[in-house]
Structure formats: structure tokens, C-alpha cells
Amino acid sequence: SSSDSELTSPLPGVIVAVLVQPGDAVSRGQELVTLEAMKMKNAIKSHRDGTIASVAVDVGDQIAHGQTLVTYKE
């Protein structure tokens, strides 16, 4: 169960870009992470305005559906 304070992966794949770091202010709809799945790149976008608390993934990581990508400061 993901809360409003985390952004989780909508599908399994490999991280090909991480566009934010802890402390960054982000807005709803901003691309935070790029995920490649089945040879297609997927922009994983913020679901809210906020500040990034932590980034849980690195480029090259194989991730599962529902895995936490970033967390937001409350």
C-alpha cells in the first residue's frame, strides 16, 4: 500500500535515468525517474507537489511493480 509520501513503480523494469535528488522541490506531473520496460521508456512522474526526501533507486536497478522509487518530505 503506497502512501502519499512515496512514489512507487507502476510496472517492473530497469531504471535508465534518475532526474531528481534529495532536497529537490518537484511539482505534480514532473518526470522524476525514467524506467525502461519491454524496450520502451516510461516517464515516471510525480503525483504531487513536494520536496524529495530520498531516492531509493539508481540507474541500472531492476525494479519490481510497486517498489518505492522516491519518498517525499512530509
Protein backbone atom coordinates (compact mmCIF):
# COMPACT_ATOMS: atom_id res chain seq x y z
CA SER A 1 0.00 0.00 0.00
CA SER A 2 1.65 3.21 -1.11
CA SER A 3 1.02 6.36 0.84
CA ASP A 4 1.05 9.91 -0.43
CA SER A 5 4.64 10.22 0.80
CA GLU A 6 6.08 7.68 -1.63
CA LEU A 7 6.13 7.25 -5.38
CA THR A 8 6.09 3.60 -6.40
CA SER A 9 6.76 1.97 -9.72
CA PRO A 10 3.69 1.35 -11.87
CA LEU A 11 5.43 -1.52 -13.67
CA PRO A 12 8.55 -3.68 -13.49
CA GLY A 13 11.61 -2.61 -15.46
CA VAL A 14 15.07 -1.10 -15.36
CA ILE A 15 15.90 2.42 -14.19
CA VAL A 16 17.58 4.31 -17.05
CA ALA A 17 17.55 7.83 -15.57
CA VAL A 18 17.10 9.45 -12.16
CA LEU A 19 16.26 13.13 -12.62
CA VAL A 20 15.96 14.30 -9.01
CA GLN A 21 17.93 14.15 -5.80
CA PRO A 22 17.04 14.58 -2.12
CA GLY A 23 16.07 18.17 -1.35
CA ASP A 24 14.72 18.91 -4.82
CA ALA A 25 11.36 20.65 -4.98
CA VAL A 26 9.12 18.98 -7.53
CA SER A 27 5.70 19.70 -8.95
CA ARG A 28 2.86 17.40 -9.86
CA GLY A 29 3.44 15.89 -13.32
CA GLN A 30 7.20 16.44 -13.28
CA GLU A 31 9.26 13.49 -14.52
CA LEU A 32 11.34 12.06 -11.67
CA VAL A 33 12.61 8.74 -12.99
CA THR A 34 12.78 7.09 -16.41
CA LEU A 35 12.01 3.39 -16.47
CA GLU A 36 12.60 1.08 -19.40
CA ALA A 37 10.16 -1.80 -19.74
CA MET A 38 9.83 -4.01 -22.80
CA LYS A 39 12.19 -1.72 -24.78
CA MET A 40 10.01 1.32 -24.12
CA LYS A 41 10.99 4.23 -21.95
CA ASN A 42 8.38 5.30 -19.43
CA ALA A 43 8.46 8.68 -17.71
CA ILE A 44 7.56 8.15 -14.06
CA LYS A 45 6.02 11.41 -12.92
CA SER A 46 5.34 12.97 -9.57
CA HIS A 47 1.77 12.57 -8.34
CA ARG A 48 2.03 15.65 -6.14
CA ASP A 49 3.88 18.86 -5.38
CA GLY A 50 6.53 18.39 -2.74
CA THR A 51 10.16 18.03 -1.79
CA ILE A 52 12.13 14.85 -2.37
CA ALA A 53 13.26 13.23 0.89
CA SER A 54 15.09 10.25 -0.61
CA VAL A 55 15.71 8.48 -3.88
CA ALA A 56 15.52 4.71 -3.43
CA VAL A 57 16.83 3.62 -6.84
CA ASP A 58 19.91 4.04 -9.03
CA VAL A 59 20.40 3.86 -12.78
CA GLY A 60 20.67 0.21 -13.79
CA ASP A 61 18.49 -1.09 -10.97
CA GLN A 62 16.00 -3.81 -11.86
CA ILE A 63 12.82 -2.94 -10.07
CA ALA A 64 9.52 -4.62 -9.35
CA HIS A 65 5.98 -3.36 -9.70
CA GLY A 66 5.06 -1.39 -6.58
CA GLN A 67 8.67 -0.83 -5.48
CA THR A 68 9.36 2.57 -3.90
CA LEU A 69 11.25 4.92 -6.22
CA VAL A 70 11.32 8.15 -4.23
CA THR A 71 9.90 9.41 -0.97
CA TYR A 72 8.64 12.91 -0.21
CA LYS A 73 9.19 15.04 2.86
CA GLU A 74 6.01 15.49 4.82
